[in-house]
Amino acid sequence: MANDPDSMRTSIRQVRYLGSAKAGTHHVWHMRLTSFALLPLTIAFVWLMLTLVGKDYNAVRLALGSPAIAIVMLLFLLAGIYHMMLGMQTVIEDYIHTEVAKTVWLMANTFFSICIGLACVYAVLRLSFT
């Protein structure tokens, strides 16, 4: 039955050692979790930016210096950056076929995401504490 060309079944020896699907599931769940987290955070961030339109510099600094606003901004930025990193990782893994190039691009993606994340955390904390 396994050698029948019309059969949908394959013998186990044909699919052994071709990798497992365990890591992909973990990756998909992280993408979905960050997507779900970004829904209310994006709404809060857009609402915050719309309330700050037209206000002067001191009023904006005062609003952004609030601890609650700083926490929402940090959550929005970090969830967005992590979501971006996971999305770019998926694109790199799917469309770069050379192992060396794939490794270099994955390292660059991680490094870029960490740098952007640190810069955003620094900016929000600096606004919050000064």
Protein backbone atom coordinates (compact mmCIF):
# COMPACT_ATOMS: atom_id res chain seq x y z
CA MET A 1 0.00 0.00 0.00
CA ALA A 2 2.86 2.40 0.76
CA ASN A 3 4.41 1.86 -2.67
CA ASP A 4 1.13 2.38 -4.52
CA PRO A 5 1.38 5.68 -6.49
CA ASP A 6 -2.30 6.43 -5.87
CA SER A 7 -1.94 6.04 -2.10
CA MET A 8 -1.60 9.05 0.20
CA ARG A 9 0.40 7.04 2.74
CA THR A 10 4.16 6.96 2.88
CA SER A 11 6.37 4.45 4.59
CA ILE A 12 8.07 5.65 7.75
CA ARG A 13 11.53 5.04 6.32
CA GLN A 14 10.92 7.71 3.66
CA VAL A 15 10.24 10.46 6.18
CA ARG A 16 12.73 9.62 8.95
CA TYR A 17 15.52 12.08 9.73
CA LEU A 18 13.93 14.91 7.75
CA GLY A 19 13.54 17.12 10.82
CA SER A 20 10.73 17.63 13.26
CA ALA A 21 7.90 20.12 13.38
CA LYS A 22 8.35 20.96 17.06
CA ALA A 23 10.27 24.25 16.68
CA GLY A 24 7.88 25.64 14.07
CA THR A 25 4.90 25.28 16.36
CA HIS A 26 6.68 27.21 19.11
CA HIS A 27 7.54 29.94 16.60
CA VAL A 28 3.96 30.21 15.34
CA TRP A 29 2.60 30.49 18.89
CA HIS A 30 5.02 33.34 19.64
CA MET A 31 3.87 35.14 16.48
CA ARG A 32 0.22 34.71 17.46
CA LEU A 33 0.85 35.76 21.05
CA THR A 34 2.62 38.96 19.98
CA SER A 35 -0.11 39.64 17.40
CA PHE A 36 -2.77 39.27 20.06
CA ALA A 37 -0.81 41.47 22.50
CA LEU A 38 -0.25 44.13 19.86
CA LEU A 39 -3.97 44.64 19.19
CA PRO A 40 -4.83 46.54 22.41
CA LEU A 41 -1.33 48.01 22.66
CA THR A 42 -1.60 49.51 19.17
CA ILE A 43 -5.01 50.97 19.96
CA ALA A 44 -3.63 52.50 23.18
CA PHE A 45 -0.56 53.85 21.38
CA VAL A 46 -2.60 55.43 18.56
CA TRP A 47 -5.06 56.90 21.09
CA LEU A 48 -2.12 58.36 23.05
CA MET A 49 -0.57 59.91 19.95
CA LEU A 50 -3.91 61.38 18.87
CA THR A 51 -4.44 62.96 22.29
CA LEU A 52 -0.99 64.58 22.06
CA VAL A 53 -1.56 66.19 18.65
CA GLY A 54 -1.51 69.96 18.95
CA LYS A 55 -0.11 70.13 22.47
CA ASP A 56 3.03 72.04 23.30
CA TYR A 57 6.42 70.50 24.11
CA ASN A 58 6.05 70.62 27.89
CA ALA A 59 2.60 69.03 27.87
CA VAL A 60 3.86 66.18 25.67
CA ARG A 61 6.89 65.61 27.94
CA LEU A 62 4.66 65.62 30.98
CA ALA A 63 2.29 63.08 29.42
CA LEU A 64 5.09 60.81 28.20
CA GLY A 65 6.80 61.03 31.58
CA SER A 66 3.90 59.27 33.29
CA PRO A 67 4.83 55.75 34.50
CA ALA A 68 1.64 54.18 33.12
CA ILE A 69 2.21 55.70 29.69
CA ALA A 70 5.86 54.64 29.75
CA ILE A 71 4.87 51.04 30.54
CA VAL A 72 2.33 50.96 27.71
CA MET A 73 4.87 52.42 25.30
CA LEU A 74 7.55 49.94 26.36
CA LEU A 75 5.16 47.01 26.00
CA PHE A 76 4.06 48.23 22.57
CA LEU A 77 7.60 48.78 21.34
CA LEU A 78 9.07 45.55 22.70
CA ALA A 79 6.17 43.37 21.51
CA GLY A 80 6.36 45.04 18.09
CA ILE A 81 10.11 44.58 17.81
CA TYR A 82 9.91 40.93 18.87
CA HIS A 83 7.07 40.37 16.37
CA MET A 84 9.17 42.04 13.67
CA MET A 85 12.16 39.84 14.52
CA LEU A 86 10.06 36.67 14.31
CA GLY A 87 8.53 37.74 11.00
CA MET A 88 11.89 38.54 9.46
CA GLN A 89 13.26 35.23 10.77
CA THR A 90 10.47 33.42 8.96
CA VAL A 91 11.18 35.27 5.73
CA ILE A 92 14.91 34.57 6.00
CA GLU A 93 14.39 30.87 6.76
CA ASP A 94 11.92 30.49 3.88
CA TYR A 95 13.71 32.41 1.13
CA ILE A 96 17.46 32.19 1.83
CA HIS A 97 18.63 28.74 0.83
CA THR A 98 22.39 28.88 1.43
CA GLU A 99 23.23 27.86 4.98
CA VAL A 100 26.03 30.40 5.44
CA ALA A 101 23.95 33.28 4.10
CA LYS A 102 20.98 32.15 6.18
CA THR A 103 23.10 32.11 9.35
CA VAL A 104 24.57 35.54 8.62
CA TRP A 105 21.13 37.06 7.93
CA LEU A 106 19.62 35.47 11.05
CA MET A 107 22.47 36.90 13.14
CA ALA A 108 22.01 40.33 11.53
CA ASN A 109 18.26 40.16 12.19
CA THR A 110 18.83 39.35 15.86
CA PHE A 111 21.50 42.03 16.25
CA PHE A 112 19.33 44.67 14.54
CA SER A 113 16.32 43.80 16.69
CA ILE A 114 18.35 43.97 19.90
CA CYS A 115 19.86 47.34 18.91
CA ILE A 116 16.47 48.81 18.04
CA GLY A 117 14.96 47.41 21.25
CA LEU A 118 17.71 48.88 23.42
CA ALA A 119 17.42 52.26 21.69
CA CYS A 120 13.65 52.31 22.24
CA VAL A 121 13.97 51.29 25.90
CA TYR A 122 16.60 53.98 26.44
CA ALA A 123 14.44 56.65 24.76
CA VAL A 124 11.32 55.80 26.75
CA LEU A 125 13.19 55.58 30.06
CA ARG A 126 14.97 58.84 29.38
CA LEU A 127 11.64 60.54 28.66
CA SER A 128 10.14 58.95 31.72
CA PHE A 129 12.87 59.91 34.21
CA THR A 130 13.75 63.44 33.03
